[in-house]
Full PDB file with SEQRES, HELIX, SHEET, SSBOND, CRYST1, ORIGX, SCALE, CONECT and MASTER records, all heavy atoms in Angstrom:
SEQRES   1 A   39  ILE LEU GLY PRO ALA ILE ILE VAL ARG GLN PRO ALA ARG          
SEQRES   2 A   39  PHE PRO ARG ALA VAL LEU ILE GLU GLY GLY GLU ASP ARG          
SEQRES   3 A   39  TRP THR PRO ALA LEU ALA ALA LYS TYR ALA LYS GLY GLY          
HELIX    1 AA1 GLY A    3  ARG A    9  1                                   7    
HELIX    2 AA2 GLU A   24  ARG A   26  5                                   3    
HELIX    3 AA3 PRO A   29  GLY A   38  1                                  10    
CRYST1    1.000    1.000    1.000  90.00  90.00  90.00 P 1           1          
ORIGX1      1.000000  0.000000  0.000000        0.00000                         
ORIGX2      0.000000  1.000000  0.000000        0.00000                         
ORIGX3      0.000000  0.000000  1.000000        0.00000                         
SCALE1      1.000000  0.000000  0.000000        0.00000                         
SCALE2      0.000000  1.000000  0.000000        0.00000                         
SCALE3      0.000000  0.000000  1.000000        0.00000                         
ATOM      1  N   ILE A   1       0.875  -1.221   0.019  1.00  0.00           N  
ATOM      2  CA  ILE A   1       0.041  -0.004  -0.053  1.00  0.00           C  
ATOM      3  C   ILE A   1       0.861   1.292  -0.035  1.00  0.00           C  
ATOM      4  O   ILE A   1       0.593   2.238  -0.661  1.00  0.00           O  
ATOM      5  CB  ILE A   1      -0.988   0.033   1.213  1.00  0.00           C  
ATOM      6  CG1 ILE A   1      -1.979  -1.134   1.008  1.00  0.00           C  
ATOM      7  CG2 ILE A   1      -1.631   1.345   1.421  1.00  0.00           C  
ATOM      8  CD1 ILE A   1      -2.756  -1.420   2.320  1.00  0.00           C  
ATOM      9  N   LEU A   2       1.975   1.231   0.852  1.00  0.00           N  
ATOM     10  CA  LEU A   2       2.881   2.366   0.861  1.00  0.00           C  
ATOM     11  C   LEU A   2       3.795   2.436  -0.334  1.00  0.00           C  
ATOM     12  O   LEU A   2       4.453   3.515  -0.595  1.00  0.00           O  
ATOM     13  CB  LEU A   2       3.661   2.344   2.159  1.00  0.00           C  
ATOM     14  CG  LEU A   2       2.859   2.350   3.463  1.00  0.00           C  
ATOM     15  CD1 LEU A   2       3.804   2.151   4.698  1.00  0.00           C  
ATOM     16  CD2 LEU A   2       2.021   3.614   3.539  1.00  0.00           C  
ATOM     17  N   GLY A   3       3.913   1.380  -1.071  1.00  0.00           N  
ATOM     18  CA  GLY A   3       4.942   1.219  -2.193  1.00  0.00           C  
ATOM     19  C   GLY A   3       4.911   2.314  -3.201  1.00  0.00           C  
ATOM     20  O   GLY A   3       5.820   2.944  -3.568  1.00  0.00           O  
ATOM     21  N   PRO A   4       3.692   2.557  -3.744  1.00  0.00           N  
ATOM     22  CA  PRO A   4       3.645   3.550  -4.886  1.00  0.00           C  
ATOM     23  C   PRO A   4       4.163   4.921  -4.521  1.00  0.00           C  
ATOM     24  O   PRO A   4       4.841   5.501  -5.238  1.00  0.00           O  
ATOM     25  CB  PRO A   4       2.103   3.519  -5.284  1.00  0.00           C  
ATOM     26  CG  PRO A   4       1.651   2.162  -4.981  1.00  0.00           C  
ATOM     27  CD  PRO A   4       2.380   1.735  -3.679  1.00  0.00           C  
ATOM     28  N   ALA A   5       3.794   5.332  -3.249  1.00  0.00           N  
ATOM     29  CA  ALA A   5       4.227   6.661  -2.758  1.00  0.00           C  
ATOM     30  C   ALA A   5       5.733   6.718  -2.663  1.00  0.00           C  
ATOM     31  O   ALA A   5       6.321   7.745  -2.908  1.00  0.00           O  
ATOM     32  CB  ALA A   5       3.620   6.975  -1.514  1.00  0.00           C  
ATOM     33  N   ILE A   6       6.425   5.555  -2.342  1.00  0.00           N  
ATOM     34  CA  ILE A   6       7.765   5.514  -2.121  1.00  0.00           C  
ATOM     35  C   ILE A   6       8.498   5.449  -3.501  1.00  0.00           C  
ATOM     36  O   ILE A   6       9.508   6.187  -3.762  1.00  0.00           O  
ATOM     37  CB  ILE A   6       8.214   4.359  -1.224  1.00  0.00           C  
ATOM     38  CG1 ILE A   6       7.740   4.645   0.172  1.00  0.00           C  
ATOM     39  CG2 ILE A   6       9.725   4.155  -1.263  1.00  0.00           C  
ATOM     40  CD1 ILE A   6       7.918   3.506   1.182  1.00  0.00           C  
ATOM     41  N   ILE A   7       8.090   4.519  -4.355  1.00  0.00           N  
ATOM     42  CA  ILE A   7       8.816   4.373  -5.613  1.00  0.00           C  
ATOM     43  C   ILE A   7       8.647   5.538  -6.610  1.00  0.00           C  
ATOM     44  O   ILE A   7       9.597   5.860  -7.310  1.00  0.00           O  
ATOM     45  CB  ILE A   7       8.553   3.058  -6.284  1.00  0.00           C  
ATOM     46  CG1 ILE A   7       7.061   3.007  -6.754  1.00  0.00           C  
ATOM     47  CG2 ILE A   7       8.781   1.867  -5.321  1.00  0.00           C  
ATOM     48  CD1 ILE A   7       6.686   1.738  -7.539  1.00  0.00           C  
ATOM     49  N   VAL A   8       7.516   6.188  -6.562  1.00  0.00           N  
ATOM     50  CA  VAL A   8       7.291   7.350  -7.500  1.00  0.00           C  
ATOM     51  C   VAL A   8       8.175   8.528  -7.007  1.00  0.00           C  
ATOM     52  O   VAL A   8       8.435   9.398  -7.914  1.00  0.00           O  
ATOM     53  CB  VAL A   8       5.814   7.669  -7.503  1.00  0.00           C  
ATOM     54  CG1 VAL A   8       5.525   8.976  -8.210  1.00  0.00           C  
ATOM     55  CG2 VAL A   8       5.006   6.568  -8.223  1.00  0.00           C  
ATOM     56  N   ARG A   9       8.583   8.670  -5.702  1.00  0.00           N  
ATOM     57  CA  ARG A   9       9.353   9.725  -5.358  1.00  0.00           C  
ATOM     58  C   ARG A   9      10.798   9.565  -6.043  1.00  0.00           C  
ATOM     59  O   ARG A   9      11.426  10.605  -6.318  1.00  0.00           O  
ATOM     60  CB  ARG A   9       9.596   9.660  -3.851  1.00  0.00           C  
ATOM     61  CG  ARG A   9       8.335  10.013  -2.980  1.00  0.00           C  
ATOM     62  CD  ARG A   9       8.718   9.880  -1.543  1.00  0.00           C  
ATOM     63  NE  ARG A   9       7.450  10.098  -0.699  1.00  0.00           N  
ATOM     64  CZ  ARG A   9       7.486  10.070   0.590  1.00  0.00           C  
ATOM     65  NH1 ARG A   9       8.685   9.987   1.273  1.00  0.00           N  
ATOM     66  NH2 ARG A   9       6.379  10.268   1.304  1.00  0.00           N  
ATOM     67  N   GLN A  10      11.245   8.321  -6.194  1.00  0.00           N  
ATOM     68  CA  GLN A  10      12.539   8.131  -6.779  1.00  0.00           C  
ATOM     69  C   GLN A  10      12.476   6.977  -7.727  1.00  0.00           C  
ATOM     70  O   GLN A  10      13.050   5.884  -7.544  1.00  0.00           O  
ATOM     71  CB  GLN A  10      13.532   7.738  -5.630  1.00  0.00           C  
ATOM     72  CG  GLN A  10      13.750   8.885  -4.684  1.00  0.00           C  
ATOM     73  CD  GLN A  10      14.719   8.514  -3.543  1.00  0.00           C  
ATOM     74  OE1 GLN A  10      14.447   7.561  -2.760  1.00  0.00           O  
ATOM     75  NE2 GLN A  10      15.863   9.098  -3.489  1.00  0.00           N  
ATOM     76  N   PRO A  11      11.870   7.144  -8.889  1.00  0.00           N  
ATOM     77  CA  PRO A  11      11.739   6.041  -9.857  1.00  0.00           C  
ATOM     78  C   PRO A  11      13.061   5.490 -10.379  1.00  0.00           C  
ATOM     79  O   PRO A  11      13.140   4.269 -10.558  1.00  0.00           O  
ATOM     80  CB  PRO A  11      11.003   6.788 -11.083  1.00  0.00           C  
ATOM     81  CG  PRO A  11      10.319   7.944 -10.441  1.00  0.00           C  
ATOM     82  CD  PRO A  11      11.198   8.423  -9.321  1.00  0.00           C  
ATOM     83  N   ALA A  12      14.118   6.289 -10.423  1.00  0.00           N  
ATOM     84  CA  ALA A  12      15.396   5.783 -10.907  1.00  0.00           C  
ATOM     85  C   ALA A  12      15.944   4.931  -9.852  1.00  0.00           C  
ATOM     86  O   ALA A  12      16.798   3.942 -10.133  1.00  0.00           O  
ATOM     87  CB  ALA A  12      16.287   6.912 -11.290  1.00  0.00           C  
ATOM     88  N   ARG A  13      15.743   5.162  -8.582  1.00  0.00           N  
ATOM     89  CA  ARG A  13      16.199   4.375  -7.474  1.00  0.00           C  
ATOM     90  C   ARG A  13      15.471   3.050  -7.358  1.00  0.00           C  
ATOM     91  O   ARG A  13      15.989   2.003  -7.015  1.00  0.00           O  
ATOM     92  CB  ARG A  13      16.157   5.088  -6.238  1.00  0.00           C  
ATOM     93  CG  ARG A  13      16.932   4.431  -5.043  1.00  0.00           C  
ATOM     94  CD  ARG A  13      16.682   5.213  -3.745  1.00  0.00           C  
ATOM     95  NE  ARG A  13      17.641   4.802  -2.659  1.00  0.00           N  
ATOM     96  CZ  ARG A  13      17.470   4.911  -1.413  1.00  0.00           C  
ATOM     97  NH1 ARG A  13      16.348   5.590  -0.952  1.00  0.00           N  
ATOM     98  NH2 ARG A  13      18.364   4.502  -0.524  1.00  0.00           N  
ATOM     99  N   PHE A  14      14.203   3.077  -7.627  1.00  0.00           N  
ATOM    100  CA  PHE A  14      13.249   1.907  -7.597  1.00  0.00           C  
ATOM    101  C   PHE A  14      12.579   1.806  -8.910  1.00  0.00           C  
ATOM    102  O   PHE A  14      11.367   1.965  -8.969  1.00  0.00           O  
ATOM    103  CB  PHE A  14      12.279   2.080  -6.467  1.00  0.00           C  
ATOM    104  CG  PHE A  14      12.828   2.090  -5.085  1.00  0.00           C  
ATOM    105  CD1 PHE A  14      12.849   3.271  -4.302  1.00  0.00           C  
ATOM    106  CD2 PHE A  14      13.404   0.988  -4.460  1.00  0.00           C  
ATOM    107  CE1 PHE A  14      13.304   3.352  -3.044  1.00  0.00           C  
ATOM    108  CE2 PHE A  14      13.906   1.068  -3.188  1.00  0.00           C  
ATOM    109  CZ  PHE A  14      13.863   2.174  -2.466  1.00  0.00           C  
ATOM    110  N   PRO A  15      13.314   1.347  -9.933  1.00  0.00           N  
ATOM    111  CA  PRO A  15      12.592   1.268 -11.246  1.00  0.00           C  
ATOM    112  C   PRO A  15      11.725  -0.004 -11.413  1.00  0.00           C  
ATOM    113  O   PRO A  15      10.996  -0.050 -12.366  1.00  0.00           O  
ATOM    114  CB  PRO A  15      13.820   1.189 -12.200  1.00  0.00           C  
ATOM    115  CG  PRO A  15      14.864   0.585 -11.441  1.00  0.00           C  
ATOM    116  CD  PRO A  15      14.695   1.088 -10.054  1.00  0.00           C  
ATOM    117  N   ARG A  16      11.853  -0.874 -10.445  1.00  0.00           N  
ATOM    118  CA  ARG A  16      11.016  -2.127 -10.482  1.00  0.00           C  
ATOM    119  C   ARG A  16      10.418  -2.361  -9.134  1.00  0.00           C  
ATOM    120  O   ARG A  16      11.073  -2.075  -8.065  1.00  0.00           O  
ATOM    121  CB  ARG A  16      11.876  -3.318 -10.924  1.00  0.00           C  
ATOM    122  CG  ARG A  16      12.517  -3.193 -12.233  1.00  0.00           C  
ATOM    123  CD  ARG A  16      13.548  -4.292 -12.467  1.00  0.00           C  
ATOM    124  NE  ARG A  16      14.084  -4.127 -13.825  1.00  0.00           N  
ATOM    125  CZ  ARG A  16      15.126  -3.304 -14.244  1.00  0.00           C  
ATOM    126  NH1 ARG A  16      15.661  -2.574 -13.298  1.00  0.00           N  
ATOM    127  NH2 ARG A  16      15.468  -3.348 -15.474  1.00  0.00           N  
ATOM    128  N   ALA A  17       9.211  -2.897  -9.191  1.00  0.00           N  
ATOM    129  CA  ALA A  17       8.466  -3.127  -7.917  1.00  0.00           C  
ATOM    130  C   ALA A  17       7.614  -4.420  -8.044  1.00  0.00           C  
ATOM    131  O   ALA A  17       7.117  -4.657  -9.112  1.00  0.00           O  
ATOM    132  CB  ALA A  17       7.652  -1.955  -7.487  1.00  0.00           C  
ATOM    133  N   VAL A  18       7.485  -5.055  -6.914  1.00  0.00           N  
ATOM    134  CA  VAL A  18       6.530  -6.217  -6.823  1.00  0.00           C  
ATOM    135  C   VAL A  18       5.656  -5.796  -5.653  1.00  0.00           C  
ATOM    136  O   VAL A  18       6.030  -5.679  -4.494  1.00  0.00           O  
ATOM    137  CB  VAL A  18       7.240  -7.478  -6.504  1.00  0.00           C  
ATOM    138  CG1 VAL A  18       6.227  -8.626  -6.349  1.00  0.00           C  
ATOM    139  CG2 VAL A  18       8.242  -7.865  -7.618  1.00  0.00           C  
ATOM    140  N   LEU A  19       4.278  -5.626  -5.937  1.00  0.00           N  
ATOM    141  CA  LEU A  19       3.376  -5.233  -5.003  1.00  0.00           C  
ATOM    142  C   LEU A  19       2.491  -6.428  -4.661  1.00  0.00           C  
ATOM    143  O   LEU A  19       1.676  -6.794  -5.614  1.00  0.00           O  
ATOM    144  CB  LEU A  19       2.583  -4.012  -5.433  1.00  0.00           C  
ATOM    145  CG  LEU A  19       3.428  -2.778  -5.766  1.00  0.00           C  
ATOM    146  CD1 LEU A  19       2.528  -1.600  -6.208  1.00  0.00           C  
ATOM    147  CD2 LEU A  19       4.302  -2.317  -4.546  1.00  0.00           C  
ATOM    148  N   ILE A  20       2.534  -7.014  -3.480  1.00  0.00           N  
ATOM    149  CA  ILE A  20       1.838  -8.211  -3.231  1.00  0.00           C  
ATOM    150  C   ILE A  20       0.683  -7.873  -2.345  1.00  0.00           C  
ATOM    151  O   ILE A  20       0.796  -7.423  -1.200  1.00  0.00           O  
ATOM    152  CB  ILE A  20       2.781  -9.180  -2.385  1.00  0.00           C  
ATOM    153  CG1 ILE A  20       4.105  -9.368  -3.223  1.00  0.00           C  
ATOM    154  CG2 ILE A  20       2.114 -10.497  -2.152  1.00  0.00           C  
ATOM    155  CD1 ILE A  20       5.247  -9.973  -2.224  1.00  0.00           C  
ATOM    156  N   GLU A  21      -0.544  -8.303  -2.813  1.00  0.00           N  
ATOM    157  CA  GLU A  21      -1.753  -8.122  -1.984  1.00  0.00           C  
ATOM    158  C   GLU A  21      -1.981  -6.695  -1.498  1.00  0.00           C  
ATOM    159  O   GLU A  21      -2.253  -6.420  -0.294  1.00  0.00           O  
ATOM    160  CB  GLU A  21      -1.787  -9.097  -0.809  1.00  0.00           C  
ATOM    161  CG  GLU A  21      -2.057 -10.528  -1.191  1.00  0.00           C  
ATOM    162  CD  GLU A  21      -3.545 -10.604  -1.612  1.00  0.00           C  
ATOM    163  OE1 GLU A  21      -4.490 -10.503  -0.726  1.00  0.00           O  
ATOM    164  OE2 GLU A  21      -3.882 -10.740  -2.735  1.00  0.00           O  
ATOM    165  N   GLY A  22      -1.784  -5.715  -2.366  1.00  0.00           N  
ATOM    166  CA  GLY A  22      -2.076  -4.264  -1.988  1.00  0.00           C  
ATOM    167  C   GLY A  22      -1.363  -3.307  -2.975  1.00  0.00           C  
ATOM    168  O   GLY A  22      -0.466  -3.722  -3.711  1.00  0.00           O  
ATOM    169  N   GLY A  23      -1.860  -2.111  -2.886  1.00  0.00           N  
ATOM    170  CA  GLY A  23      -1.234  -1.011  -3.642  1.00  0.00           C  
ATOM    171  C   GLY A  23      -1.846  -0.717  -4.967  1.00  0.00           C  
ATOM    172  O   GLY A  23      -1.586   0.276  -5.633  1.00  0.00           O  
ATOM    173  N   GLU A  24      -2.613  -1.615  -5.530  1.00  0.00           N  
ATOM    174  CA  GLU A  24      -3.154  -1.426  -6.866  1.00  0.00           C  
ATOM    175  C   GLU A  24      -4.129  -0.257  -6.845  1.00  0.00           C  
ATOM    176  O   GLU A  24      -4.247   0.468  -7.876  1.00  0.00           O  
ATOM    177  CB  GLU A  24      -3.866  -2.765  -7.310  1.00  0.00           C  
ATOM    178  CG  GLU A  24      -5.179  -3.050  -6.599  1.00  0.00           C  
ATOM    179  CD  GLU A  24      -4.949  -3.805  -5.341  1.00  0.00           C  
ATOM    180  OE1 GLU A  24      -3.811  -4.108  -5.034  1.00  0.00           O  
ATOM    181  OE2 GLU A  24      -5.937  -4.161  -4.720  1.00  0.00           O  
ATOM    182  N   ASP A  25      -4.778   0.057  -5.732  1.00  0.00           N  
ATOM    183  CA  ASP A  25      -5.772   1.112  -5.735  1.00  0.00           C  
ATOM    184  C   ASP A  25      -5.114   2.510  -5.525  1.00  0.00           C  
ATOM    185  O   ASP A  25      -5.818   3.526  -5.484  1.00  0.00           O  
ATOM    186  CB  ASP A  25      -6.857   0.840  -4.668  1.00  0.00           C  
ATOM    187  CG  ASP A  25      -6.251   0.763  -3.276  1.00  0.00           C  
ATOM    188  OD1 ASP A  25      -5.081   0.568  -3.140  1.00  0.00           O  
ATOM    189  OD2 ASP A  25      -7.065   0.811  -2.358  1.00  0.00           O  
ATOM    190  N   ARG A  26      -3.769   2.480  -5.296  1.00  0.00           N  
ATOM    191  CA  ARG A  26      -3.051   3.794  -5.134  1.00  0.00           C  
ATOM    192  C   ARG A  26      -2.667   4.473  -6.448  1.00  0.00           C  
ATOM    193  O   ARG A  26      -2.143   5.573  -6.335  1.00  0.00           O  
ATOM    194  CB  ARG A  26      -1.922   3.558  -4.218  1.00  0.00           C  
ATOM    195  CG  ARG A  26      -2.226   3.024  -2.766  1.00  0.00           C  
ATOM    196  CD  ARG A  26      -3.271   3.927  -2.099  1.00  0.00           C  
ATOM    197  NE  ARG A  26      -3.827   3.343  -0.915  1.00  0.00           N  
ATOM    198  CZ  ARG A  26      -3.540   3.712   0.324  1.00  0.00           C  
ATOM    199  NH1 ARG A  26      -2.663   4.657   0.539  1.00  0.00           N  
ATOM    200  NH2 ARG A  26      -4.188   3.137   1.265  1.00  0.00           N  
ATOM    201  N   TRP A  27      -2.721   3.729  -7.525  1.00  0.00           N  
ATOM    202  CA  TRP A  27      -2.239   4.265  -8.789  1.00  0.00           C  
ATOM    203  C   TRP A  27      -3.303   5.211  -9.459  1.00  0.00           C  
ATOM    204  O   TRP A  27      -4.430   4.802  -9.496  1.00  0.00           O  
ATOM    205  CB  TRP A  27      -1.837   3.202  -9.728  1.00  0.00           C  
ATOM    206  CG  TRP A  27      -0.577   2.483  -9.284  1.00  0.00           C  
ATOM    207  CD1 TRP A  27      -0.484   1.237  -8.590  1.00  0.00           C  
ATOM    208  CD2 TRP A  27       0.836   2.968  -9.478  1.00  0.00           C  
ATOM    209  NE1 TRP A  27       0.815   1.079  -8.321  1.00  0.00           N  
ATOM    210  CE2 TRP A  27       1.639   1.979  -8.806  1.00  0.00           C  
ATOM    211  CE3 TRP A  27       1.317   4.014 -10.104  1.00  0.00           C  
ATOM    212  CZ2 TRP A  27       2.938   2.076  -8.867  1.00  0.00           C  
ATOM    213  CZ3 TRP A  27       2.682   4.173 -10.081  1.00  0.00           C  
ATOM    214  CH2 TRP A  27       3.561   3.209  -9.512  1.00  0.00           C  
ATOM    215  N   THR A  28      -2.864   6.324  -9.987  1.00  0.00           N  
ATOM    216  CA  THR A  28      -3.715   7.158 -10.833  1.00  0.00           C  
ATOM    217  C   THR A  28      -2.904   7.366 -12.123  1.00  0.00           C  
ATOM    218  O   THR A  28      -1.679   7.076 -12.237  1.00  0.00           O  
ATOM    219  CB  THR A  28      -3.870   8.486 -10.132  1.00  0.00           C  
ATOM    220  OG1 THR A  28      -2.602   9.171 -10.077  1.00  0.00           O  
ATOM    221  CG2 THR A  28      -4.475   8.376  -8.806  1.00  0.00           C  
ATOM    222  N   PRO A  29      -3.612   7.796 -13.138  1.00  0.00           N  
ATOM    223  CA  PRO A  29      -2.859   8.088 -14.407  1.00  0.00           C  
ATOM    224  C   PRO A  29      -1.739   9.114 -14.247  1.00  0.00           C  
ATOM    225  O   PRO A  29      -0.675   8.858 -14.853  1.00  0.00           O  
ATOM    226  CB  PRO A  29      -3.949   8.709 -15.272  1.00  0.00           C  
ATOM    227  CG  PRO A  29      -5.160   8.029 -14.856  1.00  0.00           C  
ATOM    228  CD  PRO A  29      -5.012   7.943 -13.353  1.00  0.00           C  
ATOM    229  N   ALA A  30      -1.868  10.096 -13.382  1.00  0.00           N  
ATOM    230  CA  ALA A  30      -0.762  11.084 -13.163  1.00  0.00           C  
ATOM    231  C   ALA A  30       0.322  10.499 -12.453  1.00  0.00           C  
ATOM    232  O   ALA A  30       1.511  10.708 -12.787  1.00  0.00           O  
ATOM    233  CB  ALA A  30      -1.371  12.213 -12.293  1.00  0.00           C  
ATOM    234  N   LEU A  31       0.042   9.561 -11.468  1.00  0.00           N  
ATOM    235  CA  LEU A  31       1.146   8.895 -10.736  1.00  0.00           C  
ATOM    236  C   LEU A  31       1.932   7.891 -11.703  1.00  0.00           C  
ATOM    237  O   LEU A  31       3.108   7.859 -11.564  1.00  0.00           O  
ATOM    238  CB  LEU A  31       0.537   8.071  -9.552  1.00  0.00           C  
ATOM    239  CG  LEU A  31       1.500   7.878  -8.390  1.00  0.00           C  
ATOM    240  CD1 LEU A  31       1.835   9.180  -7.694  1.00  0.00           C  
ATOM    241  CD2 LEU A  31       0.813   6.959  -7.303  1.00  0.00           C  
ATOM    242  N   ALA A  32       1.167   7.179 -12.430  1.00  0.00           N  
ATOM    243  CA  ALA A  32       1.812   6.297 -13.423  1.00  0.00           C  
ATOM    244  C   ALA A  32       2.707   7.008 -14.389  1.00  0.00           C  
ATOM    245  O   ALA A  32       3.802   6.568 -14.707  1.00  0.00           O  
ATOM    246  CB  ALA A  32       0.712   5.485 -14.180  1.00  0.00           C  
ATOM    247  N   ALA A  33       2.195   8.197 -14.891  1.00  0.00           N  
ATOM    248  CA  ALA A  33       3.052   8.928 -15.792  1.00  0.00           C  
ATOM    249  C   ALA A  33       4.241   9.475 -15.185  1.00  0.00           C  
ATOM    250  O   ALA A  33       5.359   9.589 -15.771  1.00  0.00           O  
ATOM    251  CB  ALA A  33       2.183  10.091 -16.416  1.00  0.00           C  
ATOM    252  N   LYS A  34       4.163   9.940 -13.875  1.00  0.00           N  
ATOM    253  CA  LYS A  34       5.341  10.440 -13.154  1.00  0.00           C  
ATOM    254  C   LYS A  34       6.343   9.264 -13.009  1.00  0.00           C  
ATOM    255  O   LYS A  34       7.577   9.498 -13.134  1.00  0.00           O  
ATOM    256  CB  LYS A  34       4.841  11.003 -11.827  1.00  0.00           C  
ATOM    257  CG  LYS A  34       5.987  11.612 -11.036  1.00  0.00           C  
ATOM    258  CD  LYS A  34       5.461  12.171  -9.741  1.00  0.00           C  
ATOM    259  CE  LYS A  34       6.660  12.783  -8.834  1.00  0.00           C  
ATOM    260  NZ  LYS A  34       6.133  13.322  -7.614  1.00  0.00           N  
ATOM    261  N   TYR A  35       5.864   8.117 -12.682  1.00  0.00           N  
ATOM    262  CA  TYR A  35       6.795   7.008 -12.476  1.00  0.00           C  
ATOM    263  C   TYR A  35       7.527   6.615 -13.798  1.00  0.00           C  
ATOM    264  O   TYR A  35       8.726   6.433 -13.792  1.00  0.00           O  
ATOM    265  CB  TYR A  35       6.016   5.819 -11.887  1.00  0.00           C  
ATOM    266  CG  TYR A  35       6.864   4.649 -11.530  1.00  0.00           C  
ATOM    267  CD1 TYR A  35       7.915   4.736 -10.572  1.00  0.00           C  
ATOM    268  CD2 TYR A  35       6.633   3.296 -12.066  1.00  0.00           C  
ATOM    269  CE1 TYR A  35       8.713   3.736 -10.195  1.00  0.00           C  
ATOM    270  CE2 TYR A  35       7.402   2.219 -11.646  1.00  0.00           C  
ATOM    271  CZ  TYR A  35       8.410   2.409 -10.759  1.00  0.00           C  
ATOM    272  OH  TYR A  35       9.223   1.319 -10.408  1.00  0.00           O  
ATOM    273  N   ALA A  36       6.789   6.658 -14.848  1.00  0.00           N  
ATOM    274  CA  ALA A  36       7.343   6.391 -16.136  1.00  0.00           C  
ATOM    275  C   ALA A  36       8.359   7.454 -16.560  1.00  0.00           C  
ATOM    276  O   ALA A  36       9.492   7.139 -16.979  1.00  0.00           O  
ATOM    277  CB  ALA A  36       6.273   6.246 -17.169  1.00  0.00           C  
ATOM    278  N   LYS A  37       8.048   8.681 -16.394  1.00  0.00           N  
ATOM    279  CA  LYS A  37       8.960   9.757 -16.726  1.00  0.00           C  
ATOM    280  C   LYS A  37      10.224   9.776 -15.947  1.00  0.00           C  
ATOM    281  O   LYS A  37      11.347  10.079 -16.467  1.00  0.00           O  
ATOM    282  CB  LYS A  37       8.225  11.149 -16.546  1.00  0.00           C  
ATOM    283  CG  LYS A  37       9.030  12.378 -16.970  1.00  0.00           C  
ATOM    284  CD  LYS A  37       8.209  13.582 -16.852  1.00  0.00           C  
ATOM    285  CE  LYS A  37       9.043  14.829 -17.327  1.00  0.00           C  
ATOM    286  NZ  LYS A  37       8.283  16.108 -17.124  1.00  0.00           N  
ATOM    287  N   GLY A  38      10.178   9.297 -14.694  1.00  0.00           N  
ATOM    288  CA  GLY A  38      11.292   9.324 -13.792  1.00  0.00           C  
ATOM    289  C   GLY A  38      12.210   8.043 -14.070  1.00  0.00           C  
ATOM    290  O   GLY A  38      13.319   8.022 -13.441  1.00  0.00           O  
ATOM    291  N   GLY A  39      11.761   7.089 -14.885  1.00  0.00           N  
ATOM    292  CA  GLY A  39      12.564   5.860 -15.023  1.00  0.00           C  
ATOM    293  C   GLY A  39      11.959   4.623 -14.621  1.00  0.00           C  
ATOM    294  O   GLY A  39      12.641   3.566 -14.633  1.00  0.00           O  
TER     295      GLY A  39                                                      
MASTER        0    0    0    3    0    0    0    6  294    1    0    3          
END                                                                             
């Protein structure tokens, strides 16, 4: 659940993530775009 907020702050530091049983409802189009743009 906390994962998206952490990895989107530093996409180049966390370019890959495995979210197990949570976190899917934290994504928005803007957050996904920010993560992609940052790496």
